[in-house]
Each structure stands twice: as structure tokens, then as C-alpha cells.
Protein backbone atom coordinates (compact mmCIF):
# COMPACT_ATOMS: atom_id res chain seq x y z
CA MET A 1 130.48 -66.27 -18.70
CA ASP A 2 128.86 -63.70 -17.24
CA ARG A 3 128.58 -60.32 -19.16
CA VAL A 4 130.24 -56.54 -18.05
CA ILE A 5 127.85 -54.29 -17.82
CA LEU A 6 128.94 -50.23 -17.26
CA HIS A 7 125.53 -47.97 -16.43
CA CYS A 8 127.45 -44.44 -16.72
CA ASP A 9 125.34 -41.55 -15.52
CA MET A 10 126.11 -37.73 -15.89
CA ASN A 11 125.53 -36.14 -12.26
CA SER A 12 123.29 -33.41 -12.22
CA PHE A 13 124.05 -33.18 -16.33
CA PHE A 14 121.66 -29.79 -17.28
CA ALA A 15 122.82 -27.84 -13.81
CA SER A 16 126.67 -29.13 -14.65
CA VAL A 17 126.70 -28.14 -18.12
CA GLU A 18 125.08 -24.55 -17.30
CA LEU A 19 127.43 -24.08 -14.41
CA LEU A 20 130.30 -24.53 -16.69
CA SER A 21 129.35 -21.23 -17.52
CA HIS A 22 128.90 -19.85 -14.32
CA PRO A 23 131.79 -21.23 -12.32
CA ASP A 24 130.47 -18.38 -9.40
CA LEU A 25 127.38 -20.45 -8.98
CA VAL A 26 129.47 -23.51 -8.51
CA ASP A 27 129.47 -23.59 -4.32
CA ILE A 28 125.70 -21.48 -4.63
CA PRO A 29 122.45 -23.38 -4.71
CA THR A 30 121.41 -23.48 -8.28
CA ALA A 31 118.63 -25.13 -10.69
CA VAL A 32 117.52 -24.97 -14.05
CA CYS A 33 114.20 -24.95 -14.67
CA GLY A 34 111.29 -23.84 -17.42
CA ASP A 35 109.97 -20.71 -18.09
CA PRO A 36 107.64 -19.88 -15.09
CA THR A 37 105.61 -17.54 -17.21
CA SER A 38 104.44 -20.43 -19.91
CA ARG A 39 103.36 -22.42 -16.30
CA HIS A 40 106.65 -24.64 -17.36
CA GLY A 41 108.03 -24.01 -13.63
CA ILE A 42 109.38 -27.11 -12.78
CA ILE A 43 112.81 -27.98 -11.77
CA LEU A 44 114.64 -29.86 -14.93
CA ALA A 45 117.96 -30.05 -12.64
CA LYS A 46 119.75 -28.75 -9.33
CA ASN A 47 123.39 -28.82 -8.41
CA GLU A 48 125.02 -30.54 -5.13
CA PRO A 49 124.11 -27.42 -2.61
CA ALA A 50 120.73 -26.68 -3.96
CA LYS A 51 120.53 -30.83 -3.72
CA LYS A 52 122.04 -30.53 -0.12
CA LEU A 53 118.50 -27.71 0.82
CA GLY A 54 115.98 -30.77 -0.23
CA VAL A 55 115.67 -29.53 -4.20
CA LYS A 56 113.74 -32.15 -6.26
CA THR A 57 113.85 -32.64 -9.68
CA ALA A 58 109.98 -31.83 -11.18
CA GLU A 59 108.90 -30.34 -8.01
CA THR A 60 107.66 -26.85 -9.09
CA VAL A 61 109.39 -23.61 -8.76
CA TRP A 62 108.10 -22.37 -5.76
CA GLN A 63 108.25 -25.51 -3.81
CA ALA A 64 111.79 -25.45 -4.65
CA ARG A 65 112.17 -21.94 -3.10
CA LYS A 66 110.72 -22.69 -0.08
CA LYS A 67 113.42 -24.61 0.62
CA ALA A 68 116.49 -22.59 -0.54
CA PRO A 69 114.98 -19.24 -0.64
CA GLY A 70 117.98 -17.68 -2.57
CA LEU A 71 118.16 -20.88 -5.15
CA VAL A 72 119.64 -19.60 -8.37
CA LEU A 73 117.60 -20.48 -11.37
CA LEU A 74 119.24 -20.59 -15.00
CA PRO A 75 117.11 -21.06 -17.91
CA SER A 76 117.52 -24.67 -20.15
CA HIS A 77 119.14 -25.37 -23.15
CA HIS A 78 118.65 -28.54 -24.57
CA GLY A 79 120.42 -28.36 -27.90
CA LEU A 80 123.39 -27.97 -25.73
CA TYR A 81 122.57 -31.13 -23.57
CA ARG A 82 122.02 -32.75 -26.51
CA GLU A 83 125.30 -31.86 -28.33
CA TYR A 84 127.19 -32.92 -24.96
CA SER A 85 125.31 -36.00 -24.69
CA LYS A 86 126.28 -36.62 -28.00
CA ARG A 87 130.19 -36.36 -27.51
CA ILE A 88 129.91 -38.23 -24.22
CA ASN A 89 128.69 -41.07 -26.02
CA ALA A 90 131.31 -41.01 -28.63
CA LEU A 91 134.21 -41.43 -25.92
CA TYR A 92 132.52 -44.02 -24.17
CA GLY A 93 132.32 -45.62 -28.24
CA HIS A 94 136.03 -46.16 -27.66
CA TYR A 95 135.73 -48.77 -25.23
CA THR A 96 133.00 -50.52 -26.84
CA ASP A 97 130.62 -50.64 -29.94
CA LEU A 98 128.04 -51.48 -27.83
CA VAL A 99 126.70 -48.62 -26.50
CA GLU A 100 123.68 -47.60 -25.43
CA PRO A 101 122.12 -44.18 -24.10
CA PHE A 102 119.48 -44.13 -21.91
CA GLY A 103 117.83 -40.64 -22.19
CA VAL A 104 120.37 -37.53 -22.86
CA ASP A 105 122.49 -38.06 -19.81
CA GLU A 106 122.86 -42.18 -18.85
CA SER A 107 124.40 -44.87 -21.64
CA TRP A 108 124.78 -48.77 -20.69
CA LEU A 109 128.46 -50.03 -22.17
CA ASP A 110 128.69 -53.76 -22.62
CA ILE A 111 132.78 -54.45 -22.39
CA THR A 112 132.14 -58.04 -22.00
CA HIS A 113 134.73 -58.66 -25.17
CA SER A 114 136.86 -55.37 -25.22
CA MET A 115 137.76 -55.22 -21.60
CA HIS A 116 141.00 -56.95 -22.15
CA LEU A 117 142.09 -54.13 -24.26
CA PHE A 118 142.11 -51.73 -21.62
CA GLY A 119 143.76 -54.01 -19.08
CA GLY A 120 140.94 -56.34 -18.09
CA ASP A 121 140.01 -54.78 -14.58
CA PRO A 122 136.32 -53.46 -15.14
CA LYS A 123 136.23 -50.93 -12.00
CA ALA A 124 139.60 -49.96 -13.61
CA ILE A 125 138.16 -49.09 -16.60
CA ALA A 126 135.19 -47.39 -15.14
CA ASP A 127 137.32 -44.80 -13.48
CA ASP A 128 139.28 -44.05 -16.30
CA ILE A 129 136.18 -43.19 -18.14
CA ARG A 130 135.44 -41.19 -15.33
CA ARG A 131 138.32 -39.39 -15.40
CA ARG A 132 138.45 -38.94 -18.98
CA VAL A 133 134.89 -36.96 -18.71
CA LYS A 134 136.63 -34.85 -15.99
CA GLU A 135 139.11 -34.08 -17.97
CA GLU A 136 137.85 -33.56 -21.35
CA PHE A 137 134.45 -32.20 -20.48
CA GLY A 138 135.10 -30.51 -17.10
CA LEU A 139 131.69 -32.98 -15.66
CA THR A 140 131.83 -35.76 -13.53
CA ALA A 141 130.13 -39.12 -14.01
CA SER A 142 128.64 -41.94 -11.35
CA VAL A 143 129.60 -45.33 -12.82
CA GLY A 144 128.10 -48.52 -11.47
CA VAL A 145 129.47 -51.73 -13.10
CA SER A 146 127.94 -55.66 -12.74
CA PHE A 147 126.78 -58.17 -14.53
CA ASN A 148 123.64 -57.35 -15.90
CA LYS A 149 122.04 -53.97 -17.14
CA VAL A 150 119.43 -53.44 -14.46
CA PHE A 151 121.97 -54.42 -11.47
CA ALA A 152 124.49 -51.65 -13.35
CA LYS A 153 122.13 -48.80 -12.99
CA LEU A 154 121.43 -49.44 -9.18
CA GLY A 155 125.69 -48.93 -8.89
CA SER A 156 125.56 -45.68 -10.62
CA ASP A 157 122.63 -44.66 -8.20
CA TYR A 158 124.07 -46.13 -5.36
CA LYS A 159 127.41 -43.41 -4.86
CA LYS A 160 126.98 -40.33 -6.35
CA PRO A 161 128.67 -37.35 -7.58
CA ASP A 162 132.09 -38.88 -9.21
CA ALA A 163 132.30 -42.58 -7.97
CA THR A 164 132.31 -45.78 -9.05
CA THR A 165 130.55 -48.90 -7.56
CA VAL A 166 130.74 -52.93 -8.42
CA ILE A 167 127.87 -55.07 -7.80
CA SER A 168 129.26 -58.33 -8.32
CA ARG A 169 128.09 -62.25 -7.84
CA GLU A 170 129.84 -61.97 -4.51
CA ASN A 171 128.44 -58.99 -3.17
CA TRP A 172 124.38 -58.07 -5.05
CA GLN A 173 122.53 -59.61 -2.55
CA GLU A 174 124.27 -57.77 0.58
CA ILE A 175 123.80 -54.47 -1.85
CA VAL A 176 120.58 -54.61 -4.26
CA TRP A 177 118.07 -56.24 -1.44
CA PRO A 178 118.22 -53.94 1.72
CA LEU A 179 117.61 -50.85 -1.47
CA PRO A 180 113.74 -49.76 -1.50
CA VAL A 181 111.73 -51.56 -4.02
CA GLY A 182 111.54 -48.00 -5.86
CA ASP A 183 114.72 -47.88 -7.18
CA LEU A 184 114.42 -50.34 -9.18
CA LEU A 185 114.48 -49.57 -12.58
CA PHE A 186 110.82 -49.21 -14.01
CA VAL A 187 108.92 -49.16 -10.28
CA GLY A 188 107.24 -46.13 -10.46
CA ARG A 189 104.80 -44.48 -8.71
CA ALA A 190 101.95 -46.47 -9.01
CA ALA A 191 103.67 -49.82 -8.70
CA GLN A 192 104.89 -48.80 -5.23
CA GLN A 193 101.99 -48.24 -4.03
CA VAL A 194 100.72 -51.68 -5.60
CA LEU A 195 103.51 -53.50 -3.63
CA ARG A 196 103.55 -51.30 -0.63
CA SER A 197 100.04 -52.79 -0.38
CA ILE A 198 101.12 -56.51 0.05
CA GLY A 199 104.41 -54.96 2.67
CA VAL A 200 107.09 -55.18 -0.30
CA ASP A 201 109.24 -52.22 0.91
CA THR A 202 112.34 -53.28 -0.14
CA ILE A 203 113.66 -54.97 -3.49
CA GLY A 204 114.56 -57.90 -0.92
CA GLN A 205 110.94 -58.32 -0.31
CA LEU A 206 110.22 -58.37 -4.13
CA ALA A 207 112.77 -61.03 -4.79
CA ALA A 208 110.79 -63.40 -2.07
CA CYS A 209 107.45 -62.44 -3.37
CA LYS A 210 105.51 -65.42 -5.51
CA VAL A 211 105.44 -64.79 -9.60
CA GLU A 212 101.95 -65.49 -9.06
CA THR A 213 101.00 -63.01 -7.10
CA LEU A 214 103.21 -59.84 -8.72
CA GLU A 215 101.53 -61.20 -11.96
CA THR A 216 98.29 -60.69 -10.77
CA LEU A 217 98.93 -57.87 -9.60
CA LEU A 218 101.23 -55.97 -12.31
CA GLY A 219 100.51 -58.22 -15.25
CA LYS A 220 103.70 -59.01 -17.30
CA LEU A 221 105.31 -56.05 -15.12
CA GLY A 222 105.48 -58.43 -12.35
CA TYR A 223 106.96 -60.83 -13.88
CA GLN A 224 109.56 -58.54 -15.08
CA LEU A 225 110.10 -57.02 -11.67
CA HIS A 226 110.56 -60.45 -9.88
CA GLN A 227 113.51 -61.02 -12.76
CA TYR A 228 115.13 -57.83 -12.05
CA ALA A 229 115.40 -58.56 -7.87
CA ASN A 230 116.22 -62.03 -8.31
CA GLY A 231 119.21 -60.56 -10.89
CA LEU A 232 118.19 -62.50 -13.59
CA ASP A 233 117.99 -59.22 -16.16
CA LYS A 234 119.13 -60.82 -19.62
CA ASP A 235 118.74 -57.76 -21.32
CA PRO A 236 121.26 -56.94 -23.95
CA VAL A 237 122.97 -54.23 -24.28
CA ARG A 238 121.86 -52.18 -27.69
CA PRO A 239 124.36 -50.68 -29.72
CA GLN A 240 122.86 -47.00 -30.77
CA HIS A 241 122.56 -47.43 -34.44
CA GLN A 242 119.79 -50.40 -33.63
CA GLN A 243 116.81 -48.43 -32.11
CA GLU A 244 114.20 -50.35 -29.72
CA LEU A 245 110.97 -51.06 -30.96
CA VAL A 246 108.69 -48.28 -30.03
CA LYS A 247 105.99 -49.37 -27.47
CA SER A 248 103.84 -46.08 -27.38
CA VAL A 249 103.71 -42.51 -29.25
CA GLY A 250 102.62 -39.79 -27.04
CA ASN A 251 102.43 -35.88 -27.14
CA GLY A 252 101.21 -33.44 -23.87
CA THR A 253 101.21 -29.66 -23.22
CA THR A 254 100.73 -27.38 -19.72
CA PHE A 255 98.56 -24.73 -21.11
CA PRO A 256 98.66 -21.23 -20.04
CA GLN A 257 95.39 -20.84 -18.58
CA ASN A 258 93.39 -23.47 -17.15
CA LEU A 259 90.72 -25.42 -19.24
CA THR A 260 86.89 -25.45 -17.79
CA ARG A 261 84.55 -25.50 -20.56
CA TRP A 262 84.15 -28.77 -22.68
CA GLU A 263 84.92 -27.10 -25.33
CA GLU A 264 88.60 -26.03 -24.81
CA ILE A 265 89.06 -29.71 -23.10
CA CYS A 266 88.08 -30.58 -27.06
CA THR A 267 90.46 -28.00 -29.03
CA GLY A 268 93.33 -29.76 -26.52
CA LEU A 269 92.34 -32.89 -27.20
CA SER A 270 92.22 -32.46 -31.31
CA VAL A 271 95.52 -30.59 -31.47
CA LEU A 272 97.48 -33.45 -29.35
CA SER A 273 95.82 -35.85 -31.55
CA ASP A 274 96.53 -34.59 -34.51
CA SER A 275 100.37 -34.53 -33.38
CA VAL A 276 100.51 -37.74 -32.40
CA ALA A 277 98.93 -39.29 -35.12
CA ALA A 278 100.94 -37.65 -37.75
CA ARG A 279 103.88 -38.73 -36.21
CA MET A 280 102.64 -42.80 -36.37
CA ARG A 281 101.72 -41.94 -40.08
CA ARG A 282 105.35 -40.60 -40.57
CA HIS A 283 107.18 -43.52 -39.29
CA GLY A 284 104.54 -45.81 -40.92
CA LEU A 285 103.29 -46.74 -37.57
CA TYR A 286 99.45 -47.86 -36.12
CA CYS A 287 98.06 -48.03 -32.60
CA GLY A 288 95.39 -50.94 -30.99
CA GLY A 289 94.78 -48.36 -27.85
CA VAL A 290 94.74 -44.37 -26.34
CA GLN A 291 95.74 -43.74 -23.14
CA VAL A 292 94.85 -40.20 -21.74
CA THR A 293 96.50 -38.12 -18.81
CA ILE A 294 94.92 -35.67 -16.93
CA ARG A 295 96.74 -33.75 -14.29
CA ASP A 296 94.05 -30.58 -12.26
CA ALA A 297 95.67 -27.07 -11.06
CA GLN A 298 96.43 -29.19 -7.60
CA PHE A 299 98.70 -31.49 -9.89
CA LYS A 300 96.96 -34.27 -9.34
CA THR A 301 97.35 -36.66 -11.97
CA ILE A 302 94.12 -39.25 -13.54
CA THR A 303 95.14 -42.05 -16.30
CA ARG A 304 92.97 -44.00 -18.22
CA GLN A 305 93.46 -45.69 -21.58
CA LYS A 306 91.16 -48.18 -23.28
CA ARG A 307 91.61 -50.58 -26.56
CA LEU A 308 90.59 -49.40 -30.56
CA PRO A 309 88.13 -51.94 -32.49
CA GLU A 310 90.99 -51.35 -34.66
CA SER A 311 94.54 -50.10 -35.17
CA THR A 312 94.86 -47.30 -36.36
CA HIS A 313 97.07 -43.85 -37.44
CA LEU A 314 94.56 -41.55 -37.68
CA MET A 315 93.50 -38.44 -35.74
CA LYS A 316 90.25 -38.85 -35.57
CA ASP A 317 90.04 -42.28 -34.39
CA ILE A 318 92.45 -40.96 -31.46
CA LEU A 319 90.61 -38.35 -30.84
CA GLN A 320 87.38 -40.20 -30.30
CA ALA A 321 89.13 -42.19 -27.93
CA ALA A 322 90.63 -39.26 -25.93
CA MET A 323 87.48 -37.28 -25.64
CA GLU A 324 85.52 -40.40 -25.04
CA LEU A 325 88.45 -41.32 -21.81
CA THR A 326 88.71 -37.48 -21.07
CA LYS A 327 84.56 -37.16 -20.42
CA ALA A 328 84.23 -40.08 -18.21
CA ALA A 329 87.38 -39.22 -15.96
CA TRP A 330 86.73 -35.05 -15.80
CA LYS A 331 84.75 -33.33 -13.62
CA ALA A 332 82.96 -30.54 -14.42
CA PRO A 333 84.39 -27.58 -14.29
CA THR A 334 87.37 -29.33 -12.18
CA PRO A 335 89.84 -26.88 -14.04
CA ILE A 336 92.81 -29.13 -16.02
CA ARG A 337 96.23 -27.71 -16.33
CA MET A 338 97.80 -30.62 -18.22
CA LEU A 339 96.68 -33.20 -21.21
CA THR A 340 98.44 -35.66 -22.56
CA VAL A 341 97.13 -38.29 -25.32
CA THR A 342 99.06 -41.28 -26.03
CA ALA A 343 98.65 -43.76 -28.53
CA LEU A 344 99.60 -47.27 -26.94
CA TYR A 345 99.96 -51.20 -28.67
CA ILE A 346 102.03 -49.60 -31.53
CA THR A 347 102.36 -51.96 -34.85
CA GLU A 348 103.88 -51.45 -38.15
CA GLU A 349 100.88 -52.75 -39.71
CA ALA A 350 96.76 -52.17 -39.53
CA GLU A 351 95.67 -54.81 -37.28
CA SER A 352 91.64 -54.95 -36.95
CA TYR A 353 89.70 -56.34 -33.41
CA GLN A 354 86.27 -56.33 -35.05
CA GLN A 355 84.00 -57.78 -37.31
CA LEU A 356 82.86 -55.34 -39.61
CA ASP A 357 79.13 -54.61 -41.14
CA LEU A 358 78.07 -56.72 -44.01
CA LEU A 359 80.79 -56.46 -46.39
CA GLY A 360 82.30 -53.81 -44.49
CA THR A 361 81.84 -51.24 -47.15
CA GLN A 362 80.15 -48.07 -45.26
CA GLN A 363 83.03 -48.22 -42.57
CA THR A 364 85.95 -48.91 -45.19
CA ALA A 365 84.60 -45.86 -47.30
CA ARG A 366 84.87 -43.66 -44.67
CA SER A 367 88.30 -44.82 -43.33
CA GLU A 368 90.17 -44.25 -46.86
CA LYS A 369 88.44 -41.12 -47.32
CA GLN A 370 89.88 -40.33 -43.68
CA GLU A 371 93.41 -41.45 -44.62
CA LYS A 372 93.49 -39.59 -48.44
CA LEU A 373 92.37 -35.96 -46.23
CA GLU A 374 94.93 -36.57 -42.74
CA GLN A 375 97.76 -37.56 -46.15
CA ALA A 376 96.78 -34.43 -47.84
CA MET A 377 97.14 -32.53 -44.71
CA ASP A 378 100.72 -34.47 -44.24
CA ALA A 379 101.48 -33.18 -47.72
CA ILE A 380 100.84 -29.23 -46.89
CA ARG A 381 102.34 -29.47 -43.51
CA GLY A 382 105.47 -30.89 -45.37
CA LYS A 383 105.27 -28.38 -48.12
CA TYR A 384 104.65 -25.13 -45.85
CA GLY A 385 105.00 -25.85 -42.32
CA LYS A 386 103.49 -27.81 -39.81
CA GLY A 387 100.82 -25.04 -38.48
CA ALA A 388 99.98 -24.41 -42.61
CA ILE A 389 96.95 -26.45 -41.46
CA SER A 390 95.32 -28.05 -38.61
CA PHE A 391 91.79 -29.89 -37.89
CA GLY A 392 89.18 -27.62 -35.77
CA SER A 393 86.47 -28.67 -33.71
CA ASN A 394 83.16 -27.90 -32.77
CA GLY A 395 81.37 -28.43 -29.33
CA GLY A 396 83.52 -31.78 -29.02
CA LYS A 397 82.51 -32.94 -32.46
CA GLN A 398 85.30 -33.35 -34.78
CA ILE A 399 85.47 -31.48 -38.48
CA GLY A 400 86.58 -34.27 -41.37
CA TRP A 401 85.09 -36.16 -43.99
CA ASP A 402 82.23 -37.04 -42.25
CA ASP A 403 80.37 -33.80 -41.77
């Protein structure tokens, strides 16, 4: 028996929520953006009139205003969006207990074993959800209906706004295979470039590829995408209370002023590494690798990563790897606009990938001292606030127990 999966995607969610308080702007090109004065001036969401003028999510405000000179900009209110998201997911919960949020404005629903309670017609159920969202919240949603999560999401993207699309066993190849490969879940910009290099532009062309070729080019992702393109996704819809396994822990920031000196960069990396390490310790997690993302003043982005010799949740280890990656990738004095530090290969237990020195006593003692230091800082922050204490840096050398 096939599953019946819905993917509900709120239309222009941030902008639509803001327009509830500004009904006079519904027909005027309007966008929600970050604060331009703090260099977070990117478009977070836009309404339909702005979309028709070519305004895109994640582009800068000045790029958007070149397309739409009269564009009205509204500040974001993320707490309000989360509250609406919570209420909307509660509505979905009337139809099934298998509701899996995917970000703040999207959710999967598995109605396989509950749809008989609502008439048994999946499309009618999807239409009823859209009707209730509009009547109860003043917002619109697009819903995809299919036999797996990936195709249900493609269905919600297929026709917008306020529409239902059914991708069934009978029509899925006709609908899915002509779509651009970038429409498929987890096919990002880098994967698109790799696939384009071998002549793959559509999902159908991806489906026809030899899986061995895709694995050679993209590793495990290549196999996964081949499964998706051939309708073989079997990923279950997880209920809201069941947390997904953490795969990475990261923190990034756009700086008020470009960084051009190594000492400034080390300070930025120190703050980010400290934040990442503290979050991992709080949740009892360790990482086996570190990734650094660097964006320059021209928005060119470089990403580098490396495995660690042993897993850790200590700021000192993460910072050391982040500095090594950054120093190898950065060409002075290229201005850095944004930095992100991400911990990879997350586990719930420490794992070692190297043989320590004889008896391992010196390294173990240092690690234990650093662990005590960072746990003490966690305790101080827990009592007096996050800004109560922080690590310092001196010319790229971290100040800690070893100094």
C-alpha cells in the first residue's frame, strides 16, 4: 500500500504575515528584509507583486530596488512568524499525528492511516487544509500530494499560490522528469554545477544516470539524489516530538565592517567557535570535523572543511581547525564580509582517530584542563549571562590553559 504524504508550504510566509497588519500594501510591491544599517540588508520574503517584478529571496536590498524602485520594505518579526507556525502546525495535527515541520513555513503530513476519517480523498483533504488556513489565519498555502516526501514537496512548489498539485503513480514521470534538476530536494548550487558538467539539467536526466557515476561525483548524495529522481524515497514523516539526528552545529555572522587583518579574523573566528562549542557541550555532542565558510565584499563564497584527529566539543580545538582552514583559503588583504564556523560529523560520544603519544598522558592532561576551563565558563554564563565571560585572542594564538 502506497503512503499518502502532503507537503504544505505557506505562500510568501513572512511577507503574508506582515501584510495582515498592512492590508493597504497587498497590491504594492513589498518585501521583508533584515536591517540594512547592520549590513543584513537582504530580502527575506516578498509578496506576489514584488515577485512579478523579479525580486528574489536572499538578494540584497539594492539589487531588489533596481528591479522594483518603489519597493516597500518592512522589518522582520521572527517571534510572530514562529507563533503563526506553531498555530498552523496545530491545525495540521487535526488531520494526523505525523506532522514534520521543515523550517518555519513548511510541513509534511502523513495521512495514510487517517485520511478515511476525512472522506478518504487526499486532494479533497489538501483543499480543505488550504481553505481552513485561509479562513482561520488569513494566509494561503500550496499543497503537494504524493506517495513520498520528495514528490510531495515538488508538488507544493509546482503551482503557486494557493493551489493543490497531485503527483501520483500514474503521472509522476510526466510531471517530475521535465523539471529542472535544481527543483529536487537537496540539489544545491554546487551539486547543480557538478551535474551540469555531465549534461544533467533535468530530473529525468538525473534519473537516467548511472548511479556509480553519481556516487563518484557526489559521494553518498549522488546515490540519494538518484533514488529521489526515480521515485524511490522512503524517508518517513517524523512526528514533531521526534527530533532529527543532528548532523552539524554552526554559527555565522556578517560583520558591521569588513575584516582585512588577520588579528580581526581570528577574533571573529574565536567568537564563532566559542558559540559552536558551547552549544555542543550544552547538548552533550561532539564533532569530528570543522567547516569554515568565508564570504568577501563581492559576495564570493569559499567553503573549506577538514576532519579532526579526535572528536571534540572544546572551543580551542574547533578554533585551531577554523584558523588553519581560513589561513589556507584567505588571501590578504581581501576584505571578509561574513564568516561561518560549522562543526561536522556530530556524535554523542567522543571518538578518537589517532594514536596518542606513549601512554597519552600529556595530551590527556591538557584536554582535561581545557574541558574544566570551558565547563567553568559555561557555568559562569549560565549564572550571569552569555556576555559575562569570553575567550581572548592574541595574534591568532588562543589564550587558554596551555599559555
